[in-house]
């Protein structure tokens, strides 16, 4: 015999209907005695049903017991329904109403749900680290202030001459190189100005002021990186005189060649150098085509010592040397 599944709500509704009908048929206490004959009681349709099932048909005990049992059964079924369906319990909105008021029994304990999990505390992000300062490659570092410079054809070979104009007029210095040497462009120096000129390794040649007609000139002669890596230098008057000039090592050992004295002042008229207009600009040469002029040589030698300037082509003592590769040159116009 197949057993159909029992719907708890259908069973609960059937029991409620039966209980309601049972209450309607429960006899009320008899009224006070009266002389009139009591009316005949209407037959109760459930009395025969209860008698057939073994209950007391009089309704004095069996019906009341059945009512209480049905009420207890309904309450139990209501709790079972709540547990099965997870719906509100009796007495709550949407649940099965209690019969005869609140039940005297203790309500079933509610099942505790899973304990709420505590969210993890927010983690503090690590403090940002300061990136290291970018480093500048050595090859890109800017050098500090440097001395004023003129031409720089060598890219810093280490040979230099500082030209200072001690006069009150601008001066232009031109360079003549020995065969096979690098040409050096002219430099113009303002009064009181110093210009540093660099020279290639092993450079040799001379320089002069451009004053006059170029027939008589004071020469500064130099040869860098000579024997023993010496720098050889002198001021030469063999080609004449058109400017005052001195040459000396910047810091190394060595004497000063030349003089800043104006040699034209007090010179005899016959040894003065004149341009095409007859203007005096200096003193004549001491030697022309290897012919030496004793009067001019003697005049120069009276102003410049044997180791202070080149006057005679045979005067080898006038060539000075130093281990310093940096020379200082002072110039001044004579007019």
C-alpha atoms as a PDB file:
ATOM      1  CA  UNK A   1       0.000   0.000   0.000  1.00  0.00           C
ATOM      2  CA  UNK A   2       1.518   3.239  -1.110  1.00  0.00           C
ATOM      3  CA  UNK A   3       1.834   5.928   1.555  1.00  0.00           C
ATOM      4  CA  UNK A   4       1.472   9.455   0.303  1.00  0.00           C
ATOM      5  CA  UNK A   5       3.654  12.134   1.879  1.00  0.00           C
ATOM      6  CA  UNK A   6       1.819  14.091   4.565  1.00  0.00           C
ATOM      7  CA  UNK A   7       1.603  17.802   4.068  1.00  0.00           C
ATOM      8  CA  UNK A   8       2.021  19.286   7.551  1.00  0.00           C
ATOM      9  CA  UNK A   9      -0.153  22.274   6.698  1.00  0.00           C
ATOM     10  CA  UNK A  10      -2.988  20.112   5.367  1.00  0.00           C
ATOM     11  CA  UNK A  11      -2.888  17.977   8.514  1.00  0.00           C
ATOM     12  CA  UNK A  12      -2.838  21.059  10.703  1.00  0.00           C
ATOM     13  CA  UNK A  13      -5.829  22.580   8.882  1.00  0.00           C
ATOM     14  CA  UNK A  14      -7.830  19.328   9.210  1.00  0.00           C
ATOM     15  CA  UNK A  15      -7.161  19.163  12.940  1.00  0.00           C
ATOM     16  CA  UNK A  16      -8.212  22.792  13.385  1.00  0.00           C
ATOM     17  CA  UNK A  17     -11.518  22.103  11.585  1.00  0.00           C
ATOM     18  CA  UNK A  18     -12.236  19.087  13.715  1.00  0.00           C
ATOM     19  CA  UNK A  19     -11.425  20.951  16.919  1.00  0.00           C
ATOM     20  CA  UNK A  20     -13.702  23.836  15.995  1.00  0.00           C
ATOM     21  CA  UNK A  21     -16.626  21.511  15.337  1.00  0.00           C
ATOM     22  CA  UNK A  22     -15.943  19.658  18.553  1.00  0.00           C
ATOM     23  CA  UNK A  23     -16.156  22.902  20.543  1.00  0.00           C
ATOM     24  CA  UNK A  24     -19.411  23.816  18.880  1.00  0.00           C
ATOM     25  CA  UNK A  25     -20.919  20.491  19.955  1.00  0.00           C
ATOM     26  CA  UNK A  26     -19.598  20.560  23.530  1.00  0.00           C
ATOM     27  CA  UNK A  27     -22.688  20.622  25.861  1.00  0.00           C
ATOM     28  CA  UNK A  28     -23.126  23.625  28.097  1.00  0.00           C
ATOM     29  CA  UNK A  29     -23.910  23.192  31.763  1.00  0.00           C
ATOM     30  CA  UNK A  30     -27.633  22.541  32.292  1.00  0.00           C
ATOM     31  CA  UNK A  31     -29.709  25.568  33.341  1.00  0.00           C
ATOM     32  CA  UNK A  32     -31.372  25.850  36.701  1.00  0.00           C
ATOM     33  CA  UNK A  33     -34.229  23.412  37.277  1.00  0.00           C
ATOM     34  CA  UNK A  34     -37.482  24.558  35.799  1.00  0.00           C
ATOM     35  CA  UNK A  35     -40.952  23.291  35.955  1.00  0.00           C
ATOM     36  CA  UNK A  36     -41.196  23.305  32.267  1.00  0.00           C
ATOM     37  CA  UNK A  37     -40.152  20.217  30.461  1.00  0.00           C
ATOM     38  CA  UNK A  38     -36.760  20.635  28.774  1.00  0.00           C
ATOM     39  CA  UNK A  39     -36.786  20.768  25.075  1.00  0.00           C
ATOM     40  CA  UNK A  40     -35.526  17.814  23.265  1.00  0.00           C
ATOM     41  CA  UNK A  41     -31.810  18.141  22.519  1.00  0.00           C
ATOM     42  CA  UNK A  42     -30.734  18.280  18.930  1.00  0.00           C
ATOM     43  CA  UNK A  43     -28.731  15.310  17.940  1.00  0.00           C
ATOM     44  CA  UNK A  44     -24.984  16.009  17.677  1.00  0.00           C
ATOM     45  CA  UNK A  45     -23.575  14.657  14.432  1.00  0.00           C
ATOM     46  CA  UNK A  46     -20.258  13.833  16.097  1.00  0.00           C
ATOM     47  CA  UNK A  47     -21.773  11.940  19.049  1.00  0.00           C
ATOM     48  CA  UNK A  48     -22.267   8.778  17.007  1.00  0.00           C
ATOM     49  CA  UNK A  49     -18.759   9.159  15.570  1.00  0.00           C
ATOM     50  CA  UNK A  50     -17.249   9.434  19.054  1.00  0.00           C
ATOM     51  CA  UNK A  51     -19.328   6.514  20.330  1.00  0.00           C
ATOM     52  CA  UNK A  52     -18.245   4.371  17.453  1.00  0.00           C
ATOM     53  CA  UNK A  53     -14.599   5.153  18.155  1.00  0.00           C
ATOM     54  CA  UNK A  54     -14.990   4.341  21.877  1.00  0.00           C
ATOM     55  CA  UNK A  55     -15.452   7.839  23.307  1.00  0.00           C
ATOM     56  CA  UNK A  56     -18.125   8.693  25.845  1.00  0.00           C
ATOM     57  CA  UNK A  57     -21.092   9.844  23.855  1.00  0.00           C
ATOM     58  CA  UNK A  58     -22.500  11.834  26.757  1.00  0.00           C
ATOM     59  CA  UNK A  59     -19.854  14.524  26.239  1.00  0.00           C
ATOM     60  CA  UNK A  60     -19.149  14.801  29.935  1.00  0.00           C
ATOM     61  CA  UNK A  61     -15.543  13.635  29.743  1.00  0.00           C
ATOM     62  CA  UNK A  62     -14.423  12.256  26.424  1.00  0.00           C
ATOM     63  CA  UNK A  63     -15.031  15.397  24.389  1.00  0.00           C
ATOM     64  CA  UNK A  64     -13.107  17.619  26.758  1.00  0.00           C
ATOM     65  CA  UNK A  65     -10.207  15.210  26.870  1.00  0.00           C
ATOM     66  CA  UNK A  66     -10.228  14.972  23.117  1.00  0.00           C
ATOM     67  CA  UNK A  67     -10.174  18.756  22.830  1.00  0.00           C
ATOM     68  CA  UNK A  68      -7.168  19.063  25.092  1.00  0.00           C
ATOM     69  CA  UNK A  69      -5.344  16.292  23.291  1.00  0.00           C
ATOM     70  CA  UNK A  70      -6.118  17.846  19.919  1.00  0.00           C
ATOM     71  CA  UNK A  71      -4.908  21.239  21.171  1.00  0.00           C
ATOM     72  CA  UNK A  72      -1.649  19.714  22.390  1.00  0.00           C
ATOM     73  CA  UNK A  73      -1.304  17.849  19.115  1.00  0.00           C
ATOM     74  CA  UNK A  74      -1.878  21.081  17.130  1.00  0.00           C
ATOM     75  CA  UNK A  75       0.758  22.888  19.169  1.00  0.00           C
ATOM     76  CA  UNK A  76       3.229  20.066  18.570  1.00  0.00           C
ATOM     77  CA  UNK A  77       2.388  19.979  14.878  1.00  0.00           C
ATOM     78  CA  UNK A  78       2.781  23.770  14.728  1.00  0.00           C
ATOM     79  CA  UNK A  79       6.267  23.534  16.223  1.00  0.00           C
ATOM     80  CA  UNK A  80       7.134  20.664  13.875  1.00  0.00           C
ATOM     81  CA  UNK A  81       5.872  22.746  10.942  1.00  0.00           C
ATOM     82  CA  UNK A  82       8.004  25.667  12.016  1.00  0.00           C
ATOM     83  CA  UNK A  83      11.073  23.446  12.285  1.00  0.00           C
ATOM     84  CA  UNK A  84      10.420  21.810   8.914  1.00  0.00           C
ATOM     85  CA  UNK A  85       9.550  24.954   6.941  1.00  0.00           C
ATOM     86  CA  UNK A  86      11.538  27.557   8.885  1.00  0.00           C
ATOM     87  CA  UNK A  87       8.344  29.726   9.191  1.00  0.00           C
ATOM     88  CA  UNK A  88       7.362  31.925  12.169  1.00  0.00           C
ATOM     89  CA  UNK A  89       6.174  30.125  15.240  1.00  0.00           C
ATOM     90  CA  UNK A  90       2.687  30.098  16.668  1.00  0.00           C
ATOM     91  CA  UNK A  91       1.391  33.421  17.804  1.00  0.00           C
ATOM     92  CA  UNK A  92       3.602  35.319  15.306  1.00  0.00           C
ATOM     93  CA  UNK A  93       2.349  36.928  12.159  1.00  0.00           C
ATOM     94  CA  UNK A  94       1.848  34.317   9.469  1.00  0.00           C
ATOM     95  CA  UNK A  95       1.999  31.358  11.905  1.00  0.00           C
ATOM     96  CA  UNK A  96      -0.693  29.066  13.313  1.00  0.00           C
ATOM     97  CA  UNK A  97      -2.723  30.922  16.016  1.00  0.00           C
ATOM     98  CA  UNK A  98      -2.627  29.419  19.481  1.00  0.00           C
ATOM     99  CA  UNK A  99      -5.834  27.969  20.886  1.00  0.00           C
ATOM    100  CA  UNK A 100      -6.947  29.268  24.248  1.00  0.00           C
ATOM    101  CA  UNK A 101      -4.102  31.832  24.584  1.00  0.00           C
ATOM    102  CA  UNK A 102      -0.372  31.369  24.977  1.00  0.00           C
ATOM    103  CA  UNK A 103       0.910  27.937  25.632  1.00  0.00           C
ATOM    104  CA  UNK A 104       2.198  27.168  29.089  1.00  0.00           C
ATOM    105  CA  UNK A 105       5.150  25.187  27.708  1.00  0.00           C
ATOM    106  CA  UNK A 106       8.601  26.596  27.034  1.00  0.00           C
ATOM    107  CA  UNK A 107       9.256  27.468  23.385  1.00  0.00           C
ATOM    108  CA  UNK A 108      11.783  25.427  21.525  1.00  0.00           C
ATOM    109  CA  UNK A 109      15.199  27.059  21.575  1.00  0.00           C
ATOM    110  CA  UNK A 110      16.196  28.698  18.346  1.00  0.00           C
ATOM    111  CA  UNK A 111      19.149  27.230  16.594  1.00  0.00           C
ATOM    112  CA  UNK A 112      22.069  29.571  16.722  1.00  0.00           C
ATOM    113  CA  UNK A 113      23.319  30.612  13.337  1.00  0.00           C
ATOM    114  CA  UNK A 114      26.966  30.705  12.451  1.00  0.00           C
ATOM    115  CA  UNK A 115      28.848  33.327  14.408  1.00  0.00           C
ATOM    116  CA  UNK A 116      29.513  36.408  12.293  1.00  0.00           C
ATOM    117  CA  UNK A 117      33.027  36.530  11.136  1.00  0.00           C
ATOM    118  CA  UNK A 118      34.991  39.607  12.039  1.00  0.00           C
ATOM    119  CA  UNK A 119      36.395  41.264   8.911  1.00  0.00           C
ATOM    120  CA  UNK A 120      40.175  41.408   8.934  1.00  0.00           C
ATOM    121  CA  UNK A 121      41.600  44.657  10.147  1.00  0.00           C
ATOM    122  CA  UNK A 122      42.732  46.849   7.260  1.00  0.00           C
ATOM    123  CA  UNK A 123      46.429  46.610   6.750  1.00  0.00           C
ATOM    124  CA  UNK A 124      48.380  49.822   6.600  1.00  0.00           C
ATOM    125  CA  UNK A 125      50.270  50.060   3.317  1.00  0.00           C
ATOM    126  CA  UNK A 126      54.001  50.443   3.741  1.00  0.00           C
ATOM    127  CA  UNK A 127      55.252  53.987   3.673  1.00  0.00           C
ATOM    128  CA  UNK A 128      56.514  54.920   0.225  1.00  0.00           C
ATOM    129  CA  UNK A 129      60.244  54.852   0.009  1.00  0.00           C
ATOM    130  CA  UNK A 130      62.031  57.857  -1.409  1.00  0.00           C
ATOM    131  CA  UNK A 131      63.894  56.862  -4.560  1.00  0.00           C
ATOM    132  CA  UNK A 132      67.603  57.571  -4.462  1.00  0.00           C
ATOM    133  CA  UNK A 133      68.667  60.724  -6.072  1.00  0.00           C
ATOM    134  CA  UNK A 134      69.823  60.140  -9.601  1.00  0.00           C
ATOM    135  CA  UNK A 135      73.578  60.268  -9.899  1.00  0.00           C
ATOM    136  CA  UNK A 136      75.263  62.229 -12.644  1.00  0.00           C
ATOM    137  CA  UNK A 137      77.917  60.321 -14.544  1.00  0.00           C
ATOM    138  CA  UNK A 138      81.371  61.722 -14.113  1.00  0.00           C
ATOM    139  CA  UNK A 139      81.635  62.398 -17.829  1.00  0.00           C
ATOM    140  CA  UNK A 140      78.564  64.653 -17.664  1.00  0.00           C
ATOM    141  CA  UNK A 141      79.517  66.730 -14.659  1.00  0.00           C
ATOM    142  CA  UNK A 142      79.998  70.425 -15.382  1.00  0.00           C
ATOM    143  CA  UNK A 143      83.350  71.811 -14.443  1.00  0.00           C
ATOM    144  CA  UNK A 144      83.596  74.814 -12.171  1.00  0.00           C
ATOM    145  CA  UNK A 145      84.492  78.325 -13.273  1.00  0.00           C
ATOM    146  CA  UNK A 146      87.589  78.483 -15.401  1.00  0.00           C
ATOM    147  CA  UNK A 147      90.000  81.238 -16.305  1.00  0.00           C
ATOM    148  CA  UNK A 148      88.994  83.280 -19.363  1.00  0.00           C
ATOM    149  CA  UNK A 149      90.133  81.575 -22.526  1.00  0.00           C
ATOM    150  CA  UNK A 150      90.918  82.574 -26.084  1.00  0.00           C
ATOM    151  CA  UNK A 151      91.336  79.930 -28.743  1.00  0.00           C
ATOM    152  CA  UNK A 152      91.289  76.297 -27.650  1.00  0.00           C
ATOM    153  CA  UNK A 153      92.574  74.147 -30.517  1.00  0.00           C
ATOM    154  CA  UNK A 154      94.076  71.461 -28.295  1.00  0.00           C
ATOM    155  CA  UNK A 155      91.131  70.311 -26.216  1.00  0.00           C
ATOM    156  CA  UNK A 156      93.226  70.751 -23.085  1.00  0.00           C
ATOM    157  CA  UNK A 157      96.696  69.348 -23.837  1.00  0.00           C
ATOM    158  CA  UNK A 158      98.178  71.129 -20.810  1.00  0.00           C
ATOM    159  CA  UNK A 159     100.234  73.827 -22.593  1.00  0.00           C
ATOM    160  CA  UNK A 160      98.952  77.344 -21.977  1.00  0.00           C
ATOM    161  CA  UNK A 161      99.948  81.002 -22.092  1.00  0.00           C
ATOM    162  CA  UNK A 162      98.018  83.728 -20.290  1.00  0.00           C
ATOM    163  CA  UNK A 163      98.179  87.009 -22.225  1.00  0.00           C
ATOM    164  CA  UNK A 164      97.580  90.181 -20.179  1.00  0.00           C
ATOM    165  CA  UNK A 165      97.263  93.657 -21.683  1.00  0.00           C
ATOM    166  CA  UNK A 166      98.942  96.053 -19.240  1.00  0.00           C
ATOM    167  CA  UNK A 167      98.451  99.052 -21.543  1.00  0.00           C
ATOM    168  CA  UNK A 168      95.591 101.465 -22.079  1.00  0.00           C
ATOM    169  CA  UNK A 169      94.756 100.418 -25.656  1.00  0.00           C
ATOM    170  CA  UNK A 170      93.498  97.160 -27.176  1.00  0.00           C
ATOM    171  CA  UNK A 171      96.197  94.890 -28.543  1.00  0.00           C
ATOM    172  CA  UNK A 172      96.013  92.156 -31.165  1.00  0.00           C
ATOM    173  CA  UNK A 173      98.532  89.316 -30.916  1.00  0.00           C
ATOM    174  CA  UNK A 174      99.300  87.192 -33.972  1.00  0.00           C
ATOM    175  CA  UNK A 175     101.055  83.811 -34.025  1.00  0.00           C
ATOM    176  CA  UNK A 176     103.634  82.355 -36.430  1.00  0.00           C
ATOM    177  CA  UNK A 177     104.184  78.620 -36.172  1.00  0.00           C
ATOM    178  CA  UNK A 178     107.261  76.636 -37.146  1.00  0.00           C
ATOM    179  CA  UNK A 179     106.885  74.275 -40.119  1.00  0.00           C
ATOM    180  CA  UNK A 180     104.546  71.377 -39.409  1.00  0.00           C
ATOM    181  CA  UNK A 181     102.945  73.071 -36.411  1.00  0.00           C
ATOM    182  CA  UNK A 182      99.272  73.864 -35.897  1.00  0.00           C
ATOM    183  CA  UNK A 183      98.227  77.389 -36.770  1.00  0.00           C
ATOM    184  CA  UNK A 184      96.917  79.566 -33.927  1.00  0.00           C
ATOM    185  CA  UNK A 185      94.403  82.320 -34.762  1.00  0.00           C
ATOM    186  CA  UNK A 186      95.065  85.900 -33.541  1.00  0.00           C
ATOM    187  CA  UNK A 187      93.646  87.092 -30.200  1.00  0.00           C
ATOM    188  CA  UNK A 188      92.617  90.658 -29.281  1.00  0.00           C
ATOM    189  CA  UNK A 189      93.106  91.687 -25.672  1.00  0.00           C
ATOM    190  CA  UNK A 190      91.365  94.672 -24.101  1.00  0.00           C
ATOM    191  CA  UNK A 191      93.203  96.919 -21.600  1.00  0.00           C
ATOM    192  CA  UNK A 192      93.492  95.085 -18.272  1.00  0.00           C
ATOM    193  CA  UNK A 193      92.162  91.826 -19.757  1.00  0.00           C
ATOM    194  CA  UNK A 194      93.814  88.394 -19.501  1.00  0.00           C
ATOM    195  CA  UNK A 195      93.135  85.681 -22.094  1.00  0.00           C
ATOM    196  CA  UNK A 196      94.371  82.111 -21.768  1.00  0.00           C
ATOM    197  CA  UNK A 197      95.538  80.451 -24.962  1.00  0.00           C
ATOM    198  CA  UNK A 198      96.107  76.698 -25.186  1.00  0.00           C
ATOM    199  CA  UNK A 199      98.709  75.063 -27.445  1.00  0.00           C
ATOM    200  CA  UNK A 200      99.086  71.541 -28.859  1.00  0.00           C
ATOM    201  CA  UNK A 201     101.629  69.069 -27.583  1.00  0.00           C
ATOM    202  CA  UNK A 202     105.134  69.992 -28.840  1.00  0.00           C
ATOM    203  CA  UNK A 203     104.000  73.290 -30.348  1.00  0.00           C
ATOM    204  CA  UNK A 204     106.752  75.810 -31.210  1.00  0.00           C
ATOM    205  CA  UNK A 205     106.635  79.253 -32.801  1.00  0.00           C
ATOM    206  CA  UNK A 206     106.479  82.947 -31.951  1.00  0.00           C
ATOM    207  CA  UNK A 207     103.936  85.729 -31.412  1.00  0.00           C
ATOM    208  CA  UNK A 208     103.967  89.547 -31.760  1.00  0.00           C
ATOM    209  CA  UNK A 209     101.888  92.712 -31.546  1.00  0.00           C
ATOM    210  CA  UNK A 210     100.450  93.912 -34.861  1.00  0.00           C
ATOM    211  CA  UNK A 211     101.453  97.558 -34.242  1.00  0.00           C
ATOM    212  CA  UNK A 212     103.539  99.276 -36.943  1.00  0.00           C
ATOM    213  CA  UNK A 213     104.284  98.202 -40.473  1.00  0.00           C
ATOM    214  CA  UNK A 214     105.659  94.790 -39.462  1.00  0.00           C
ATOM    215  CA  UNK A 215     109.243  95.679 -40.274  1.00  0.00           C
ATOM    216  CA  UNK A 216     110.358  95.922 -36.640  1.00  0.00           C
ATOM    217  CA  UNK A 217     108.610  93.697 -34.088  1.00  0.00           C
ATOM    218  CA  UNK A 218     109.206  92.369 -30.592  1.00  0.00           C
ATOM    219  CA  UNK A 219     108.991  88.571 -30.682  1.00  0.00           C
ATOM    220  CA  UNK A 220     107.923  86.178 -27.974  1.00  0.00           C
ATOM    221  CA  UNK A 221     109.433  82.786 -28.773  1.00  0.00           C
ATOM    222  CA  UNK A 222     108.353  79.474 -27.201  1.00  0.00           C
ATOM    223  CA  UNK A 223     108.810  75.736 -27.701  1.00  0.00           C
ATOM    224  CA  UNK A 224     106.633  73.395 -25.577  1.00  0.00           C
ATOM    225  CA  UNK A 225     107.658  69.857 -24.588  1.00  0.00           C
ATOM    226  CA  UNK A 226     111.279  70.111 -25.696  1.00  0.00           C
ATOM    227  CA  UNK A 227     114.233  68.041 -24.439  1.00  0.00           C
ATOM    228  CA  UNK A 228     113.412  66.655 -20.985  1.00  0.00           C
ATOM    229  CA  UNK A 229     109.817  67.912 -21.491  1.00  0.00           C
ATOM    230  CA  UNK A 230     111.134  71.435 -20.872  1.00  0.00           C
ATOM    231  CA  UNK A 231     109.382  74.578 -22.065  1.00  0.00           C
ATOM    232  CA  UNK A 232     111.869  76.943 -23.754  1.00  0.00           C
ATOM    233  CA  UNK A 233     111.048  80.646 -24.079  1.00  0.00           C
ATOM    234  CA  UNK A 234     112.571  84.111 -24.625  1.00  0.00           C
ATOM    235  CA  UNK A 235     111.760  87.673 -25.696  1.00  0.00           C
ATOM    236  CA  UNK A 236     113.753  88.483 -28.823  1.00  0.00           C
ATOM    237  CA  UNK A 237     114.792  91.971 -30.016  1.00  0.00           C
ATOM    238  CA  UNK A 238     116.724  90.709 -33.020  1.00  0.00           C
ATOM    239  CA  UNK A 239     113.740  91.631 -35.250  1.00  0.00           C
ATOM    240  CA  UNK A 240     113.285  94.975 -33.522  1.00  0.00           C
ATOM    241  CA  UNK A 241     110.856  96.364 -30.956  1.00  0.00           C
ATOM    242  CA  UNK A 242     107.243  97.534 -31.294  1.00  0.00           C
ATOM    243  CA  UNK A 243     105.839  96.575 -27.828  1.00  0.00           C
ATOM    244  CA  UNK A 244     106.980  96.004 -24.282  1.00  0.00           C
ATOM    245  CA  UNK A 245     106.842  92.295 -23.352  1.00  0.00           C
ATOM    246  CA  UNK A 246     107.797  89.827 -20.621  1.00  0.00           C
ATOM    247  CA  UNK A 247     107.512  86.018 -20.462  1.00  0.00           C
ATOM    248  CA  UNK A 248     107.803  83.974 -17.239  1.00  0.00           C
ATOM    249  CA  UNK A 249     106.679  80.587 -15.878  1.00  0.00           C
ATOM    250  CA  UNK A 250     103.307  80.669 -14.175  1.00  0.00           C
ATOM    251  CA  UNK A 251     104.480  78.862 -11.017  1.00  0.00           C
ATOM    252  CA  UNK A 252     107.461  76.664 -11.862  1.00  0.00           C
ATOM    253  CA  UNK A 253     111.142  77.580 -11.706  1.00  0.00           C
ATOM    254  CA  UNK A 254     112.517  79.963 -14.307  1.00  0.00           C
ATOM    255  CA  UNK A 255     113.508  83.579 -14.902  1.00  0.00           C
ATOM    256  CA  UNK A 256     111.639  86.390 -16.569  1.00  0.00           C
ATOM    257  CA  UNK A 257     112.633  87.228 -20.109  1.00  0.00           C
ATOM    258  CA  UNK A 258     112.133  90.716 -21.541  1.00  0.00           C
ATOM    259  CA  UNK A 259     111.093  94.012 -19.955  1.00  0.00           C
ATOM    260  CA  UNK A 260     107.954  96.182 -19.714  1.00  0.00           C
ATOM    261  CA  UNK A 261     110.119  99.336 -19.929  1.00  0.00           C
ATOM    262  CA  UNK A 262     109.363 101.523 -22.919  1.00  0.00           C
ATOM    263  CA  UNK A 263     112.658 101.144 -24.837  1.00  0.00           C
ATOM    264  CA  UNK A 264     111.722 103.805 -27.390  1.00  0.00           C
ATOM    265  CA  UNK A 265     111.951 106.558 -24.853  1.00  0.00           C
ATOM    266  CA  UNK A 266     115.499 108.005 -24.951  1.00  0.00           C
ATOM    267  CA  UNK A 267     116.579 105.920 -27.962  1.00  0.00           C
ATOM    268  CA  UNK A 268     118.781 107.664 -30.571  1.00  0.00           C
ATOM    269  CA  UNK A 269     116.893 108.981 -33.594  1.00  0.00           C
ATOM    270  CA  UNK A 270     118.855 106.889 -36.044  1.00  0.00           C
ATOM    271  CA  UNK A 271     117.712 103.572 -34.522  1.00  0.00           C
ATOM    272  CA  UNK A 272     114.004 104.445 -34.306  1.00  0.00           C
ATOM    273  CA  UNK A 273     111.592 102.513 -36.529  1.00  0.00           C
ATOM    274  CA  UNK A 274     109.097 104.559 -38.583  1.00  0.00           C
ATOM    275  CA  UNK A 275     106.131 103.579 -40.745  1.00  0.00           C
ATOM    276  CA  UNK A 276     105.437 104.858 -44.269  1.00  0.00           C
ATOM    277  CA  UNK A 277     104.083 108.102 -42.859  1.00  0.00           C
ATOM    278  CA  UNK A 278     107.220 108.685 -40.827  1.00  0.00           C
ATOM    279  CA  UNK A 279     105.497 107.882 -37.528  1.00  0.00           C
ATOM    280  CA  UNK A 280     107.759 106.273 -34.924  1.00  0.00           C
ATOM    281  CA  UNK A 281     106.399 102.993 -33.612  1.00  0.00           C
ATOM    282  CA  UNK A 282     109.552 101.285 -32.231  1.00  0.00           C
ATOM    283  CA  UNK A 283     113.237 100.473 -32.631  1.00  0.00           C
ATOM    284  CA  UNK A 284     115.017  98.922 -35.594  1.00  0.00           C
ATOM    285  CA  UNK A 285     116.370  95.370 -35.859  1.00  0.00           C
ATOM    286  CA  UNK A 286     119.785  94.438 -34.524  1.00  0.00           C
ATOM    287  CA  UNK A 287     120.588  92.126 -37.437  1.00  0.00           C
ATOM    288  CA  UNK A 288     119.599  92.326 -41.082  1.00  0.00           C
ATOM    289  CA  UNK A 289     120.576  89.512 -43.458  1.00  0.00           C
ATOM    290  CA  UNK A 290     122.976  88.258 -40.833  1.00  0.00           C
ATOM    291  CA  UNK A 291     124.623  91.670 -40.637  1.00  0.00           C
ATOM    292  CA  UNK A 292     124.648  92.853 -37.087  1.00  0.00           C
ATOM    293  CA  UNK A 293     124.366  96.549 -36.140  1.00  0.00           C
ATOM    294  CA  UNK A 294     126.697  97.106 -33.127  1.00  0.00           C
ATOM    295  CA  UNK A 295     125.061 100.452 -32.185  1.00  0.00           C
ATOM    296  CA  UNK A 296     121.589  98.899 -31.928  1.00  0.00           C
ATOM    297  CA  UNK A 297     122.940  95.788 -30.153  1.00  0.00           C
ATOM    298  CA  UNK A 298     124.699  97.930 -27.587  1.00  0.00           C
ATOM    299  CA  UNK A 299     121.554  99.989 -26.977  1.00  0.00           C
ATOM    300  CA  UNK A 300     119.406  96.922 -26.320  1.00  0.00           C
ATOM    301  CA  UNK A 301     122.065  95.315 -24.194  1.00  0.00           C
ATOM    302  CA  UNK A 302     122.154  98.397 -22.017  1.00  0.00           C
ATOM    303  CA  UNK A 303     118.428  97.861 -21.321  1.00  0.00           C
ATOM    304  CA  UNK A 304     118.248  94.050 -21.288  1.00  0.00           C
ATOM    305  CA  UNK A 305     120.771  91.638 -19.783  1.00  0.00           C
ATOM    306  CA  UNK A 306     122.350  88.675 -21.592  1.00  0.00           C
ATOM    307  CA  UNK A 307     119.873  86.255 -19.914  1.00  0.00           C
ATOM    308  CA  UNK A 308     116.897  88.632 -20.068  1.00  0.00           C
ATOM    309  CA  UNK A 309     116.398  88.948 -23.815  1.00  0.00           C
ATOM    310  CA  UNK A 310     117.701  87.795 -27.161  1.00  0.00           C
ATOM    311  CA  UNK A 311     119.729  90.649 -28.735  1.00  0.00           C
ATOM    312  CA  UNK A 312     122.557  88.934 -30.640  1.00  0.00           C
ATOM    313  CA  UNK A 313     121.921  85.797 -32.745  1.00  0.00           C
ATOM    314  CA  UNK A 314     124.901  84.224 -31.018  1.00  0.00           C
ATOM    315  CA  UNK A 315     123.512  84.988 -27.583  1.00  0.00           C
ATOM    316  CA  UNK A 316     122.423  81.464 -26.625  1.00  0.00           C
ATOM    317  CA  UNK A 317     122.270  82.376 -22.901  1.00  0.00           C
ATOM    318  CA  UNK A 318     119.126  84.375 -23.614  1.00  0.00           C
ATOM    319  CA  UNK A 319     117.107  81.167 -24.274  1.00  0.00           C
ATOM    320  CA  UNK A 320     115.496  80.187 -20.949  1.00  0.00           C
ATOM    321  CA  UNK A 321     113.917  76.898 -19.916  1.00  0.00           C
ATOM    322  CA  UNK A 322     111.403  75.679 -17.282  1.00  0.00           C
ATOM    323  CA  UNK A 323     109.545  72.517 -16.357  1.00  0.00           C
ATOM    324  CA  UNK A 324     106.304  74.543 -16.208  1.00  0.00           C
ATOM    325  CA  UNK A 325     103.986  74.183 -19.193  1.00  0.00           C
ATOM    326  CA  UNK A 326     102.042  77.306 -18.263  1.00  0.00           C
ATOM    327  CA  UNK A 327     103.552  80.700 -19.146  1.00  0.00           C
ATOM    328  CA  UNK A 328     102.433  84.226 -18.319  1.00  0.00           C
ATOM    329  CA  UNK A 329     102.877  86.933 -20.921  1.00  0.00           C
ATOM    330  CA  UNK A 330     102.492  90.684 -20.192  1.00  0.00           C
ATOM    331  CA  UNK A 331     102.332  93.189 -23.054  1.00  0.00           C
ATOM    332  CA  UNK A 332     102.015  96.933 -23.482  1.00  0.00           C
ATOM    333  CA  UNK A 333     102.088  99.239 -26.493  1.00  0.00           C
ATOM    334  CA  UNK A 334     104.940 101.738 -26.622  1.00  0.00           C
ATOM    335  CA  UNK A 335     102.742 104.444 -28.196  1.00  0.00           C
END
